Amino acid sequence: MERPGNKRTKTIFSFFKSSGEASKVDNLSPSVVEASSREETRPLESPTQEVYNDSNSLERDPGLRTPIRQYSFNVRDEIRRAYIKKGPYQPRLPEYPRTLFGNQYRRFQPKWFGEFQWLEYSPSKDAVFCFPCYLFENGNTPHCTLTNGGLKNWKRVNQGVNCPFLVHMGSINSPHRNSVQSVENLSNVTRHINRVINAQTSEDVRKNRLRP
């Protein structure tokens, strides 16, 4: 989906011209027609600049996504908003792959989605990731499996206070909790903007109804 103002929007009606419009085109000078043609064939912006405008183009699998810090700085918040709208990727599979740990097979348990709502699962990696930390991790924080490569050592999840999910969450000022707060802050700003837009739209509708 193209960003407004970057290129002339075409609709199905764009391909049909009235006789009046056709005569206007015929009367244009060659230079004007050539310039118009160049404008219509102008190349699209890079996918990096457009990806957040088309939510269907967002990579859902956290194991395959482009790191946020690799996007241009001026579009990161738009991409974050698009991902926040989608939410963490938590596919419910009929059966998750098994991995042998010692003499026992273990696999990802979907109940963990309910216990750690920020958790994401990657079918391509058979690993879990942290959704808020993906959105706001800046590359300067210490190495963390849940943001770099994913965690798939399922045996460790049942180690009580040493559970890697709890360790990742950390204390009140941990990078994870800061990322969670950043998600909340951005969501609040987005909701505020939406309320303003909806209020303006409602006011426009009311004014239109009052016009004679």
Protein backbone atom coordinates (compact mmCIF):
# COMPACT_ATOMS: atom_id res chain seq x y z
CA MET A 1 0.00 0.00 0.00
CA GLU A 2 1.41 3.37 -0.93
CA ARG A 3 1.70 6.29 1.38
CA PRO A 4 -0.67 9.19 0.67
CA GLY A 5 0.86 11.89 -1.42
CA ASN A 6 3.74 9.82 -2.85
CA LYS A 7 1.97 8.86 -6.03
CA ARG A 8 -1.32 9.50 -7.81
CA THR A 9 -3.91 7.04 -6.48
CA LYS A 10 -5.54 4.96 -9.21
CA THR A 11 -9.05 3.59 -8.99
CA ILE A 12 -11.04 1.55 -11.47
CA PHE A 13 -12.39 4.85 -12.82
CA SER A 14 -8.88 5.98 -13.70
CA PHE A 15 -8.92 3.76 -16.78
CA PHE A 16 -12.04 5.38 -18.26
CA LYS A 17 -11.98 8.96 -19.53
CA SER A 18 -14.93 11.02 -20.65
CA SER A 19 -14.82 12.54 -24.09
CA GLY A 20 -14.20 15.92 -22.48
CA GLU A 21 -11.17 14.61 -20.63
CA ALA A 22 -9.84 12.96 -23.78
CA SER A 23 -10.03 16.23 -25.70
CA LYS A 24 -8.10 17.97 -22.93
CA VAL A 25 -5.30 15.41 -23.22
CA ASP A 26 -5.21 15.86 -26.99
CA ASN A 27 -4.70 19.61 -26.58
CA LEU A 28 -1.75 19.27 -24.21
CA SER A 29 1.73 20.05 -25.49
CA PRO A 30 4.12 17.10 -26.00
CA SER A 31 6.31 18.31 -23.14
CA VAL A 32 3.38 18.30 -20.72
CA VAL A 33 2.28 14.82 -21.84
CA GLU A 34 5.85 13.53 -21.48
CA ALA A 35 6.14 14.98 -17.96
CA SER A 36 2.82 13.42 -16.99
CA SER A 37 3.99 10.08 -18.32
CA ARG A 38 7.18 10.28 -16.27
CA GLU A 39 5.13 11.01 -13.15
CA GLU A 40 2.87 8.00 -13.69
CA THR A 41 5.80 5.64 -14.20
CA ARG A 42 7.75 6.92 -11.20
CA PRO A 43 9.14 3.92 -9.25
CA LEU A 44 7.63 2.93 -5.93
CA GLU A 45 9.36 3.68 -2.66
CA SER A 46 11.43 0.95 -1.10
CA PRO A 47 9.54 -1.78 0.81
CA THR A 48 11.20 -0.55 3.99
CA GLN A 49 9.25 2.70 3.75
CA GLU A 50 5.94 1.01 2.86
CA VAL A 51 5.83 -2.17 4.91
CA TYR A 52 3.98 -0.59 7.85
CA ASN A 53 1.20 0.64 5.56
CA ASP A 54 0.24 -2.90 4.59
CA SER A 55 -0.22 -5.03 7.68
CA ASN A 56 -0.38 -8.16 5.52
CA SER A 57 3.24 -7.62 4.50
CA LEU A 58 4.52 -7.78 8.08
CA GLU A 59 6.59 -10.87 8.82
CA ARG A 60 4.75 -12.64 11.63
CA ASP A 61 7.28 -15.36 12.38
CA PRO A 62 9.67 -13.80 14.95
CA GLY A 63 12.46 -16.07 13.77
CA LEU A 64 12.35 -14.53 10.29
CA ARG A 65 11.76 -10.83 11.00
CA THR A 66 14.10 -7.99 10.16
CA PRO A 67 15.36 -6.41 13.42
CA ILE A 68 13.65 -3.11 14.14
CA ARG A 69 17.00 -1.31 14.39
CA GLN A 70 17.71 -2.16 10.74
CA TYR A 71 14.77 -0.04 9.57
CA SER A 72 15.12 3.67 8.91
CA PHE A 73 14.75 5.60 12.14
CA ASN A 74 11.86 7.72 10.84
CA VAL A 75 9.60 4.70 10.17
CA ARG A 76 10.33 2.54 13.21
CA ASP A 77 7.39 3.78 15.29
CA GLU A 78 5.00 3.17 12.41
CA ILE A 79 6.28 -0.38 12.06
CA ARG A 80 6.03 -0.86 15.82
CA ARG A 81 2.42 0.36 15.78
CA ALA A 82 1.58 -2.09 13.01
CA TYR A 83 3.09 -4.98 14.97
CA ILE A 84 1.39 -3.90 18.20
CA LYS A 85 -1.93 -3.93 16.38
CA LYS A 86 -1.25 -7.52 15.32
CA GLY A 87 0.02 -8.56 18.75
CA PRO A 88 2.59 -11.25 19.61
CA TYR A 89 2.68 -14.24 17.28
CA GLN A 90 1.25 -17.17 19.23
CA PRO A 91 0.27 -19.91 16.77
CA ARG A 92 -1.73 -22.82 18.19
CA LEU A 93 -0.35 -25.84 16.40
CA PRO A 94 -1.90 -29.32 16.55
CA GLU A 95 1.50 -30.55 17.70
CA TYR A 96 4.81 -28.82 18.38
CA PRO A 97 8.14 -30.42 17.41
CA ARG A 98 9.85 -32.62 19.98
CA THR A 99 13.48 -32.16 21.03
CA LEU A 100 15.55 -34.76 22.88
CA PHE A 101 17.10 -33.55 26.17
CA GLY A 102 19.15 -36.31 27.74
CA ASN A 103 16.86 -39.33 27.63
CA GLN A 104 13.62 -37.35 27.47
CA TYR A 105 11.75 -35.62 24.65
CA ARG A 106 10.35 -32.18 25.38
CA ARG A 107 8.42 -29.62 23.37
CA PHE A 108 6.99 -26.12 23.58
CA GLN A 109 3.84 -25.90 25.71
CA PRO A 110 1.11 -23.51 24.47
CA LYS A 111 0.01 -22.92 28.09
CA TRP A 112 3.09 -20.71 28.39
CA PHE A 113 1.32 -18.14 26.20
CA GLY A 114 -1.16 -17.61 29.03
CA GLU A 115 1.53 -17.41 31.70
CA PHE A 116 3.79 -15.04 29.70
CA GLN A 117 1.59 -13.01 27.38
CA TRP A 118 4.58 -11.30 25.75
CA LEU A 119 5.91 -14.64 24.50
CA GLU A 120 6.09 -15.43 20.77
CA TYR A 121 6.69 -18.75 19.05
CA SER A 122 8.59 -19.21 15.79
CA PRO A 123 7.53 -22.28 13.76
CA SER A 124 10.57 -21.88 11.51
CA LYS A 125 13.03 -21.97 14.44
CA ASP A 126 10.97 -23.99 16.95
CA ALA A 127 11.99 -21.31 19.44
CA VAL A 128 10.41 -18.55 21.52
CA PHE A 129 11.08 -14.81 21.46
CA CYS A 130 10.05 -11.72 23.45
CA PHE A 131 7.61 -9.48 21.56
CA PRO A 132 8.21 -6.16 23.45
CA CYS A 133 11.98 -6.62 23.32
CA TYR A 134 11.83 -7.25 19.57
CA LEU A 135 10.04 -3.92 19.15
CA PHE A 136 12.34 -1.85 21.37
CA GLU A 137 15.63 -3.73 21.66
CA ASN A 138 18.34 -1.38 20.40
CA GLY A 139 21.30 -3.70 20.09
CA ASN A 140 23.10 -2.13 23.05
CA THR A 141 21.61 -4.40 25.72
CA PRO A 142 23.48 -7.53 26.86
CA HIS A 143 23.02 -10.62 24.72
CA CYS A 144 19.65 -12.26 25.40
CA THR A 145 18.49 -15.50 23.85
CA LEU A 146 14.88 -14.31 23.73
CA THR A 147 15.83 -11.46 21.42
CA ASN A 148 18.78 -13.05 19.60
CA GLY A 149 18.14 -16.39 17.95
CA GLY A 150 15.35 -17.49 20.26
CA LEU A 151 15.18 -19.91 23.16
CA LYS A 152 14.33 -23.58 22.69
CA ASN A 153 15.79 -25.29 25.76
CA TRP A 154 12.38 -26.41 27.04
CA LYS A 155 13.92 -28.35 29.92
CA ARG A 156 15.02 -25.11 31.59
CA VAL A 157 11.51 -23.63 31.62
CA ASN A 158 10.51 -25.82 34.59
CA GLN A 159 13.46 -24.79 36.79
CA GLY A 160 11.45 -22.56 39.14
CA VAL A 161 13.03 -19.18 39.79
CA ASN A 162 15.70 -20.07 37.24
CA CYS A 163 13.10 -20.33 34.48
CA PRO A 164 14.60 -18.38 31.55
CA PHE A 165 11.32 -16.49 31.06
CA LEU A 166 11.42 -15.19 34.64
CA VAL A 167 15.13 -14.43 34.38
CA HIS A 168 14.46 -12.49 31.16
CA MET A 169 11.77 -10.38 32.84
CA GLY A 170 14.23 -9.38 35.54
CA SER A 171 13.79 -6.58 38.05
CA ILE A 172 11.62 -3.48 37.80
CA ASN A 173 14.17 -1.57 35.68
CA SER A 174 15.22 -4.46 33.45
CA PRO A 175 15.48 -3.99 29.66
CA HIS A 176 12.42 -6.26 29.27
CA ARG A 177 10.24 -4.21 31.60
CA ASN A 178 11.41 -1.00 29.94
CA SER A 179 10.39 -2.46 26.59
CA VAL A 180 6.97 -3.43 27.98
CA GLN A 181 6.51 0.15 29.21
CA SER A 182 7.58 1.51 25.81
CA VAL A 183 4.93 -0.65 24.13
CA GLU A 184 2.30 0.68 26.54
CA ASN A 185 3.39 4.29 25.97
CA LEU A 186 3.27 3.95 22.19
CA SER A 187 -0.13 2.23 22.41
CA ASN A 188 -1.50 5.07 24.54
CA VAL A 189 -0.29 7.67 22.03
CA THR A 190 -1.87 5.70 19.19
CA ARG A 191 -5.18 5.39 21.05
CA HIS A 192 -5.14 9.13 21.77
CA ILE A 193 -4.54 9.94 18.10
CA ASN A 194 -7.35 7.58 17.07
CA ARG A 195 -9.73 9.23 19.54
CA VAL A 196 -8.90 12.66 18.15
CA ILE A 197 -9.42 11.49 14.57
CA ASN A 198 -12.72 9.79 15.46
CA ALA A 199 -13.90 12.91 17.29
CA GLN A 200 -13.03 15.11 14.31
CA THR A 201 -14.82 12.72 11.94
CA SER A 202 -17.93 12.69 14.13
CA GLU A 203 -17.92 16.48 14.26
CA ASP A 204 -17.60 16.69 10.47
CA VAL A 205 -20.56 14.33 10.07
CA ARG A 206 -22.64 16.43 12.48
CA LYS A 207 -21.81 19.66 10.64
CA ASN A 208 -22.67 18.10 7.28
CA ARG A 209 -26.07 17.06 8.60
CA LEU A 210 -26.77 20.64 9.69
CA ARG A 211 -26.03 22.09 6.27
CA PRO A 212 -29.11 23.12 4.25
